[in-house]
């Protein structure tokens, strides 16, 4: 509906349910450090960046890598996996 070219789309994820987004031809992708093994296997694909940080910090690193943002904000202000309570 929006007619956005896939070359202008950046996806990010950490689990198998995110994998299909990475398989769209032309998209760029960010796999974060805390990604599950089934998604980590996609980092060999062209246009996929493996971020050395987890969660939002990794997404920000990917945004920087692909030139969407000029610099990565200070990481101490971002949540870590240990600081996030799981929802059950």
PDB file of N, CA and C in Angstrom:
ATOM      1  N   UNK A   1       0.811  -1.201   0.000  1.00  0.00           N
ATOM      2  CA  UNK A   1       0.000   0.000   0.000  1.00  0.00           C
ATOM      3  C   UNK A   1       0.849   1.257   0.000  1.00  0.00           C
ATOM      4  N   UNK A   2       1.942   1.241   0.720  1.00  0.00           N
ATOM      5  CA  UNK A   2       2.785   2.429   0.804  1.00  0.00           C
ATOM      6  C   UNK A   2       3.763   2.544  -0.360  1.00  0.00           C
ATOM      7  N   UNK A   3       3.914   1.470  -1.103  1.00  0.00           N
ATOM      8  CA  UNK A   3       4.805   1.426  -2.257  1.00  0.00           C
ATOM      9  C   UNK A   3       6.245   1.794  -1.898  1.00  0.00           C
ATOM     10  N   UNK A   4       6.709   1.295  -0.757  1.00  0.00           N
ATOM     11  CA  UNK A   4       8.100   1.490  -0.344  1.00  0.00           C
ATOM     12  C   UNK A   4       8.917   0.357  -0.953  1.00  0.00           C
ATOM     13  N   UNK A   5       9.959   0.704  -1.663  1.00  0.00           N
ATOM     14  CA  UNK A   5      10.830  -0.298  -2.264  1.00  0.00           C
ATOM     15  C   UNK A   5      11.556  -1.072  -1.165  1.00  0.00           C
ATOM     16  N   UNK A   6      11.697  -2.390  -1.325  1.00  0.00           N
ATOM     17  CA  UNK A   6      12.344  -3.211  -0.308  1.00  0.00           C
ATOM     18  C   UNK A   6      13.787  -2.791  -0.057  1.00  0.00           C
ATOM     19  N   UNK A   7      14.424  -2.171  -1.018  1.00  0.00           N
ATOM     20  CA  UNK A   7      15.789  -1.671  -0.835  1.00  0.00           C
ATOM     21  C   UNK A   7      15.836  -0.547   0.202  1.00  0.00           C
ATOM     22  N   UNK A   8      14.679   0.034   0.515  1.00  0.00           N
ATOM     23  CA  UNK A   8      14.591   1.106   1.511  1.00  0.00           C
ATOM     24  C   UNK A   8      14.057   0.612   2.851  1.00  0.00           C
ATOM     25  N   UNK A   9      14.038  -0.700   3.047  1.00  0.00           N
ATOM     26  CA  UNK A   9      13.505  -1.289   4.278  1.00  0.00           C
ATOM     27  C   UNK A   9      14.646  -1.920   5.058  1.00  0.00           C
ATOM     28  N   UNK A  10      14.643  -1.686   6.373  1.00  0.00           N
ATOM     29  CA  UNK A  10      15.598  -2.313   7.275  1.00  0.00           C
ATOM     30  C   UNK A  10      14.805  -3.071   8.324  1.00  0.00           C
ATOM     31  N   UNK A  11      15.129  -4.353   8.508  1.00  0.00           N
ATOM     32  CA  UNK A  11      14.437  -5.174   9.491  1.00  0.00           C
ATOM     33  C   UNK A  11      15.421  -5.559  10.589  1.00  0.00           C
ATOM     34  N   UNK A  12      14.888  -5.888  11.765  1.00  0.00           N
ATOM     35  CA  UNK A  12      15.723  -6.325  12.885  1.00  0.00           C
ATOM     36  C   UNK A  12      14.975  -7.408  13.633  1.00  0.00           C
ATOM     37  N   UNK A  13      15.740  -8.332  14.207  1.00  0.00           N
ATOM     38  CA  UNK A  13      15.074  -9.390  14.938  1.00  0.00           C
ATOM     39  C   UNK A  13      16.004 -10.209  15.792  1.00  0.00           C
ATOM     40  N   UNK A  14      15.371 -11.127  16.568  1.00  0.00           N
ATOM     41  CA  UNK A  14      16.140 -11.993  17.454  1.00  0.00           C
ATOM     42  C   UNK A  14      15.586 -13.413  17.551  1.00  0.00           C
ATOM     43  N   UNK A  15      14.497 -13.718  16.842  1.00  0.00           N
ATOM     44  CA  UNK A  15      13.917 -15.055  16.960  1.00  0.00           C
ATOM     45  C   UNK A  15      13.479 -15.591  15.592  1.00  0.00           C
ATOM     46  N   UNK A  16      13.132 -16.882  15.571  1.00  0.00           N
ATOM     47  CA  UNK A  16      12.747 -17.533  14.321  1.00  0.00           C
ATOM     48  C   UNK A  16      11.526 -16.877  13.683  1.00  0.00           C
ATOM     49  N   UNK A  17      10.649 -16.320  14.489  1.00  0.00           N
ATOM     50  CA  UNK A  17       9.458 -15.688  13.919  1.00  0.00           C
ATOM     51  C   UNK A  17       9.804 -14.439  13.108  1.00  0.00           C
ATOM     52  N   UNK A  18      11.019 -13.943  13.260  1.00  0.00           N
ATOM     53  CA  UNK A  18      11.463 -12.774  12.496  1.00  0.00           C
ATOM     54  C   UNK A  18      12.121 -13.157  11.164  1.00  0.00           C
ATOM     55  N   UNK A  19      12.420 -14.432  10.973  1.00  0.00           N
ATOM     56  CA  UNK A  19      13.240 -14.876   9.841  1.00  0.00           C
ATOM     57  C   UNK A  19      12.665 -14.497   8.485  1.00  0.00           C
ATOM     58  N   UNK A  20      11.372 -14.594   8.307  1.00  0.00           N
ATOM     59  CA  UNK A  20      10.784 -14.324   6.989  1.00  0.00           C
ATOM     60  C   UNK A  20      11.063 -12.908   6.502  1.00  0.00           C
ATOM     61  N   UNK A  21      11.154 -11.955   7.429  1.00  0.00           N
ATOM     62  CA  UNK A  21      11.452 -10.574   7.014  1.00  0.00           C
ATOM     63  C   UNK A  21      12.811 -10.499   6.323  1.00  0.00           C
ATOM     64  N   UNK A  22      13.773 -11.262   6.843  1.00  0.00           N
ATOM     65  CA  UNK A  22      15.130 -11.238   6.304  1.00  0.00           C
ATOM     66  C   UNK A  22      15.217 -11.884   4.933  1.00  0.00           C
ATOM     67  N   UNK A  23      14.256 -12.710   4.593  1.00  0.00           N
ATOM     68  CA  UNK A  23      14.273 -13.434   3.319  1.00  0.00           C
ATOM     69  C   UNK A  23      13.679 -12.638   2.167  1.00  0.00           C
ATOM     70  N   UNK A  24      13.106 -11.469   2.460  1.00  0.00           N
ATOM     71  CA  UNK A  24      12.576 -10.615   1.401  1.00  0.00           C
ATOM     72  C   UNK A  24      13.732 -10.050   0.585  1.00  0.00           C
ATOM     73  N   UNK A  25      13.679 -10.240  -0.720  1.00  0.00           N
ATOM     74  CA  UNK A  25      14.773  -9.806  -1.589  1.00  0.00           C
ATOM     75  C   UNK A  25      14.935  -8.284  -1.547  1.00  0.00           C
ATOM     76  N   UNK A  26      16.148  -7.854  -1.174  1.00  0.00           N
ATOM     77  CA  UNK A  26      16.457  -6.431  -1.193  1.00  0.00           C
ATOM     78  C   UNK A  26      16.481  -5.766   0.164  1.00  0.00           C
ATOM     79  N   UNK A  27      15.864  -6.368   1.185  1.00  0.00           N
ATOM     80  CA  UNK A  27      15.865  -5.717   2.495  1.00  0.00           C
ATOM     81  C   UNK A  27      17.239  -5.833   3.140  1.00  0.00           C
ATOM     82  N   UNK A  28      17.538  -4.881   4.003  1.00  0.00           N
ATOM     83  CA  UNK A  28      18.726  -4.942   4.846  1.00  0.00           C
ATOM     84  C   UNK A  28      18.252  -5.445   6.209  1.00  0.00           C
ATOM     85  N   UNK A  29      19.138  -6.139   6.928  1.00  0.00           N
ATOM     86  CA  UNK A  29      18.713  -6.702   8.198  1.00  0.00           C
ATOM     87  C   UNK A  29      19.747  -6.587   9.290  1.00  0.00           C
ATOM     88  N   UNK A  30      19.259  -6.526  10.525  1.00  0.00           N
ATOM     89  CA  UNK A  30      20.099  -6.499  11.713  1.00  0.00           C
ATOM     90  C   UNK A  30      19.695  -7.676  12.592  1.00  0.00           C
ATOM     91  N   UNK A  31      20.651  -8.565  12.837  1.00  0.00           N
ATOM     92  CA  UNK A  31      20.460  -9.654  13.785  1.00  0.00           C
ATOM     93  C   UNK A  31      21.206  -9.253  15.050  1.00  0.00           C
ATOM     94  N   UNK A  32      20.488  -9.164  16.155  1.00  0.00           N
ATOM     95  CA  UNK A  32      21.103  -8.705  17.408  1.00  0.00           C
ATOM     96  C   UNK A  32      21.818  -9.847  18.124  1.00  0.00           C
ATOM     97  N   UNK A  33      22.723  -9.496  19.026  1.00  0.00           N
ATOM     98  CA  UNK A  33      23.591 -10.460  19.702  1.00  0.00           C
ATOM     99  C   UNK A  33      22.824 -11.551  20.428  1.00  0.00           C
ATOM    100  N   UNK A  34      21.687 -11.229  21.013  1.00  0.00           N
ATOM    101  CA  UNK A  34      20.926 -12.209  21.780  1.00  0.00           C
ATOM    102  C   UNK A  34      19.976 -13.041  20.904  1.00  0.00           C
ATOM    103  N   UNK A  35      20.175 -13.016  19.597  1.00  0.00           N
ATOM    104  CA  UNK A  35      19.311 -13.764  18.676  1.00  0.00           C
ATOM    105  C   UNK A  35      19.445 -15.268  18.897  1.00  0.00           C
ATOM    106  N   UNK A  36      18.354 -15.953  18.669  1.00  0.00           N
ATOM    107  CA  UNK A  36      18.345 -17.408  18.757  1.00  0.00           C
ATOM    108  C   UNK A  36      19.103 -18.007  17.567  1.00  0.00           C
ATOM    109  N   UNK A  37      19.619 -19.230  17.719  1.00  0.00           N
ATOM    110  CA  UNK A  37      20.448 -19.843  16.662  1.00  0.00           C
ATOM    111  C   UNK A  37      19.800 -19.860  15.278  1.00  0.00           C
ATOM    112  N   UNK A  38      18.497 -20.099  15.209  1.00  0.00           N
ATOM    113  CA  UNK A  38      17.855 -20.167  13.898  1.00  0.00           C
ATOM    114  C   UNK A  38      17.895 -18.833  13.149  1.00  0.00           C
ATOM    115  N   UNK A  39      17.969 -17.732  13.858  1.00  0.00           N
ATOM    116  CA  UNK A  39      18.094 -16.442  13.186  1.00  0.00           C
ATOM    117  C   UNK A  39      19.558 -16.093  12.944  1.00  0.00           C
ATOM    118  N   UNK A  40      20.430 -16.496  13.856  1.00  0.00           N
ATOM    119  CA  UNK A  40      21.865 -16.233  13.682  1.00  0.00           C
ATOM    120  C   UNK A  40      22.388 -16.840  12.384  1.00  0.00           C
ATOM    121  N   UNK A  41      21.771 -17.925  11.927  1.00  0.00           N
ATOM    122  CA  UNK A  41      22.230 -18.566  10.695  1.00  0.00           C
ATOM    123  C   UNK A  41      22.050 -17.661   9.478  1.00  0.00           C
ATOM    124  N   UNK A  42      21.226 -16.636   9.593  1.00  0.00           N
ATOM    125  CA  UNK A  42      20.974 -15.730   8.462  1.00  0.00           C
ATOM    126  C   UNK A  42      22.056 -14.676   8.285  1.00  0.00           C
ATOM    127  N   UNK A  43      22.980 -14.558   9.244  1.00  0.00           N
ATOM    128  CA  UNK A  43      23.979 -13.494   9.140  1.00  0.00           C
ATOM    129  C   UNK A  43      24.932 -13.697   7.971  1.00  0.00           C
ATOM    130  N   UNK A  44      24.926 -14.869   7.371  1.00  0.00           N
ATOM    131  CA  UNK A  44      25.761 -15.114   6.190  1.00  0.00           C
ATOM    132  C   UNK A  44      25.152 -14.499   4.925  1.00  0.00           C
ATOM    133  N   UNK A  45      23.900 -14.101   4.998  1.00  0.00           N
ATOM    134  CA  UNK A  45      23.219 -13.546   3.830  1.00  0.00           C
ATOM    135  C   UNK A  45      23.724 -12.134   3.523  1.00  0.00           C
ATOM    136  N   UNK A  46      23.776 -11.777   2.232  1.00  0.00           N
ATOM    137  CA  UNK A  46      24.159 -10.402   1.887  1.00  0.00           C
ATOM    138  C   UNK A  46      23.164  -9.405   2.476  1.00  0.00           C
ATOM    139  N   UNK A  47      23.677  -8.288   2.951  1.00  0.00           N
ATOM    140  CA  UNK A  47      22.810  -7.242   3.480  1.00  0.00           C
ATOM    141  C   UNK A  47      22.364  -7.452   4.907  1.00  0.00           C
ATOM    142  N   UNK A  48      22.909  -8.478   5.592  1.00  0.00           N
ATOM    143  CA  UNK A  48      22.544  -8.725   6.988  1.00  0.00           C
ATOM    144  C   UNK A  48      23.749  -8.420   7.868  1.00  0.00           C
ATOM    145  N   UNK A  49      23.526  -7.580   8.864  1.00  0.00           N
ATOM    146  CA  UNK A  49      24.565  -7.169   9.812  1.00  0.00           C
ATOM    147  C   UNK A  49      24.327  -7.873  11.134  1.00  0.00           C
ATOM    148  N   UNK A  50      25.384  -8.462  11.706  1.00  0.00           N
ATOM    149  CA  UNK A  50      25.287  -9.056  13.031  1.00  0.00           C
ATOM    150  C   UNK A  50      25.785  -8.036  14.042  1.00  0.00           C
ATOM    151  N   UNK A  51      24.880  -7.559  14.892  1.00  0.00           N
ATOM    152  CA  UNK A  51      25.236  -6.554  15.892  1.00  0.00           C
ATOM    153  C   UNK A  51      25.877  -7.226  17.102  1.00  0.00           C
ATOM    154  N   UNK A  52      26.985  -6.705  17.590  1.00  0.00           N
ATOM    155  CA  UNK A  52      27.634  -7.299  18.750  1.00  0.00           C
ATOM    156  C   UNK A  52      26.914  -7.034  20.073  1.00  0.00           C
ATOM    157  N   UNK A  53      25.893  -6.209  20.050  1.00  0.00           N
ATOM    158  CA  UNK A  53      25.130  -5.910  21.272  1.00  0.00           C
ATOM    159  C   UNK A  53      23.722  -6.495  21.175  1.00  0.00           C
ATOM    160  N   UNK A  54      23.087  -6.758  22.329  1.00  0.00           N
ATOM    161  CA  UNK A  54      21.737  -7.311  22.327  1.00  0.00           C
ATOM    162  C   UNK A  54      20.662  -6.233  22.242  1.00  0.00           C
ATOM    163  N   UNK A  55      19.470  -6.692  21.934  1.00  0.00           N
ATOM    164  CA  UNK A  55      18.250  -5.892  22.031  1.00  0.00           C
ATOM    165  C   UNK A  55      18.353  -4.545  21.321  1.00  0.00           C
ATOM    166  N   UNK A  56      17.836  -3.496  21.951  1.00  0.00           N
ATOM    167  CA  UNK A  56      17.788  -2.170  21.330  1.00  0.00           C
ATOM    168  C   UNK A  56      19.179  -1.638  20.997  1.00  0.00           C
ATOM    169  N   UNK A  57      20.174  -1.952  21.826  1.00  0.00           N
ATOM    170  CA  UNK A  57      21.534  -1.496  21.544  1.00  0.00           C
ATOM    171  C   UNK A  57      22.018  -2.075  20.217  1.00  0.00           C
ATOM    172  N   UNK A  58      21.704  -3.325  19.961  1.00  0.00           N
ATOM    173  CA  UNK A  58      22.083  -3.953  18.699  1.00  0.00           C
ATOM    174  C   UNK A  58      21.362  -3.344  17.512  1.00  0.00           C
ATOM    175  N   UNK A  59      20.096  -3.026  17.692  1.00  0.00           N
ATOM    176  CA  UNK A  59      19.339  -2.380  16.613  1.00  0.00           C
ATOM    177  C   UNK A  59      19.965  -1.019  16.296  1.00  0.00           C
ATOM    178  N   UNK A  60      20.327  -0.271  17.323  1.00  0.00           N
ATOM    179  CA  UNK A  60      20.974   1.024  17.094  1.00  0.00           C
ATOM    180  C   UNK A  60      22.302   0.860  16.366  1.00  0.00           C
ATOM    181  N   UNK A  61      23.072  -0.166  16.729  1.00  0.00           N
ATOM    182  CA  UNK A  61      24.325  -0.427  16.008  1.00  0.00           C
ATOM    183  C   UNK A  61      24.055  -0.719  14.534  1.00  0.00           C
ATOM    184  N   UNK A  62      22.994  -1.461  14.272  1.00  0.00           N
ATOM    185  CA  UNK A  62      22.629  -1.746  12.889  1.00  0.00           C
ATOM    186  C   UNK A  62      22.195  -0.500  12.141  1.00  0.00           C
ATOM    187  N   UNK A  63      21.425   0.345  12.789  1.00  0.00           N
ATOM    188  CA  UNK A  63      21.017   1.609  12.163  1.00  0.00           C
ATOM    189  C   UNK A  63      22.232   2.458  11.812  1.00  0.00           C
ATOM    190  N   UNK A  64      23.211   2.456  12.694  1.00  0.00           N
ATOM    191  CA  UNK A  64      24.447   3.189  12.424  1.00  0.00           C
ATOM    192  C   UNK A  64      25.222   2.527  11.273  1.00  0.00           C
ATOM    193  N   UNK A  65      25.345   1.217  11.310  1.00  0.00           N
ATOM    194  CA  UNK A  65      26.071   0.478  10.276  1.00  0.00           C
ATOM    195  C   UNK A  65      25.501   0.783   8.885  1.00  0.00           C
ATOM    196  N   UNK A  66      24.179   0.839   8.778  1.00  0.00           N
ATOM    197  CA  UNK A  66      23.540   1.077   7.487  1.00  0.00           C
ATOM    198  C   UNK A  66      23.369   2.567   7.174  1.00  0.00           C
ATOM    199  N   UNK A  67      23.882   3.448   8.021  1.00  0.00           N
ATOM    200  CA  UNK A  67      23.866   4.876   7.738  1.00  0.00           C
ATOM    201  C   UNK A  67      22.551   5.579   8.015  1.00  0.00           C
ATOM    202  N   UNK A  68      21.678   4.947   8.786  1.00  0.00           N
ATOM    203  CA  UNK A  68      20.393   5.569   9.110  1.00  0.00           C
ATOM    204  C   UNK A  68      20.571   6.633  10.188  1.00  0.00           C
ATOM    205  N   UNK A  69      21.464   6.353  11.149  1.00  0.00           N
ATOM    206  CA  UNK A  69      21.784   7.339  12.188  1.00  0.00           C
ATOM    207  C   UNK A  69      23.285   7.615  12.149  1.00  0.00           C
ATOM    208  N   UNK A  70      23.662   8.836  12.523  1.00  0.00           N
ATOM    209  CA  UNK A  70      25.060   9.245  12.433  1.00  0.00           C
ATOM    210  C   UNK A  70      25.937   8.605  13.498  1.00  0.00           C
ATOM    211  N   UNK A  71      25.397   8.398  14.683  1.00  0.00           N
ATOM    212  CA  UNK A  71      26.175   7.775  15.751  1.00  0.00           C
ATOM    213  C   UNK A  71      25.257   7.006  16.689  1.00  0.00           C
ATOM    214  N   UNK A  72      25.837   6.038  17.384  1.00  0.00           N
ATOM    215  CA  UNK A  72      25.080   5.222  18.326  1.00  0.00           C
ATOM    216  C   UNK A  72      25.031   5.964  19.660  1.00  0.00           C
ATOM    217  N   UNK A  73      23.836   6.149  20.224  1.00  0.00           N
ATOM    218  CA  UNK A  73      23.733   6.810  21.526  1.00  0.00           C
ATOM    219  C   UNK A  73      24.453   6.012  22.610  1.00  0.00           C
ATOM    220  N   UNK A  74      24.719   6.645  23.728  1.00  0.00           N
ATOM    221  CA  UNK A  74      25.386   5.986  24.859  1.00  0.00           C
ATOM    222  C   UNK A  74      24.624   4.736  25.270  1.00  0.00           C
ATOM    223  N   UNK A  75      25.333   3.638  25.368  1.00  0.00           N
ATOM    224  CA  UNK A  75      24.705   2.359  25.666  1.00  0.00           C
ATOM    225  C   UNK A  75      24.245   2.234  27.121  1.00  0.00           C
ATOM    226  N   UNK A  76      24.813   3.007  28.017  1.00  0.00           N
ATOM    227  CA  UNK A  76      24.435   2.870  29.428  1.00  0.00           C
ATOM    228  C   UNK A  76      23.002   3.317  29.696  1.00  0.00           C
ATOM    229  N   UNK A  77      22.401   3.986  28.744  1.00  0.00           N
ATOM    230  CA  UNK A  77      21.017   4.424  28.913  1.00  0.00           C
ATOM    231  C   UNK A  77      20.019   3.395  28.379  1.00  0.00           C
ATOM    232  N   UNK A  78      20.519   2.320  27.766  1.00  0.00           N
ATOM    233  CA  UNK A  78      19.647   1.325  27.148  1.00  0.00           C
ATOM    234  C   UNK A  78      19.504   0.097  28.036  1.00  0.00           C
ATOM    235  N   UNK A  79      18.383  -0.614  27.929  1.00  0.00           N
ATOM    236  CA  UNK A  79      18.190  -1.823  28.754  1.00  0.00           C
ATOM    237  C   UNK A  79      19.106  -2.954  28.311  1.00  0.00           C
ATOM    238  N   UNK A  80      19.414  -3.838  29.239  1.00  0.00           N
ATOM    239  CA  UNK A  80      20.173  -5.053  28.953  1.00  0.00           C
ATOM    240  C   UNK A  80      19.214  -6.235  29.163  1.00  0.00           C
ATOM    241  N   UNK A  81      19.558  -7.400  28.630  1.00  0.00           N
ATOM    242  CA  UNK A  81      18.660  -8.558  28.847  1.00  0.00           C
ATOM    243  C   UNK A  81      18.428  -8.832  30.320  1.00  0.00           C
ATOM    244  N   UNK A  82      19.435  -8.615  31.150  1.00  0.00           N
ATOM    245  CA  UNK A  82      19.306  -8.876  32.590  1.00  0.00           C
ATOM    246  C   UNK A  82      18.359  -7.888  33.272  1.00  0.00           C
ATOM    247  N   UNK A  83      18.207  -6.690  32.711  1.00  0.00           N
ATOM    248  CA  UNK A  83      17.373  -5.676  33.363  1.00  0.00           C
ATOM    249  C   UNK A  83      15.921  -5.733  32.919  1.00  0.00           C
ATOM    250  N   UNK A  84      15.631  -6.566  31.938  1.00  0.00           N
ATOM    251  CA  UNK A  84      14.277  -6.659  31.420  1.00  0.00           C
ATOM    252  C   UNK A  84      13.609  -7.898  32.005  1.00  0.00           C
ATOM    253  N   UNK A  85      12.501  -7.712  32.698  1.00  0.00           N
ATOM    254  CA  UNK A  85      11.751  -8.838  33.249  1.00  0.00           C
ATOM    255  C   UNK A  85      11.023  -9.542  32.128  1.00  0.00           C
ATOM    256  N   UNK A  86      11.017 -10.864  32.180  1.00  0.00           N
ATOM    257  CA  UNK A  86      10.247 -11.589  31.165  1.00  0.00           C
ATOM    258  C   UNK A  86       8.781 -11.508  31.503  1.00  0.00           C
ATOM    259  N   UNK A  87       7.976 -11.457  30.463  1.00  0.00           N
ATOM    260  CA  UNK A  87       6.539 -11.385  30.616  1.00  0.00           C
ATOM    261  C   UNK A  87       5.993 -12.799  30.464  1.00  0.00           C
ATOM    262  N   UNK A  88       5.349 -13.296  31.494  1.00  0.00           N
ATOM    263  CA  UNK A  88       4.779 -14.635  31.393  1.00  0.00           C
ATOM    264  C   UNK A  88       3.389 -14.702  31.962  1.00  0.00           C
TER     265      UNK A  88
END
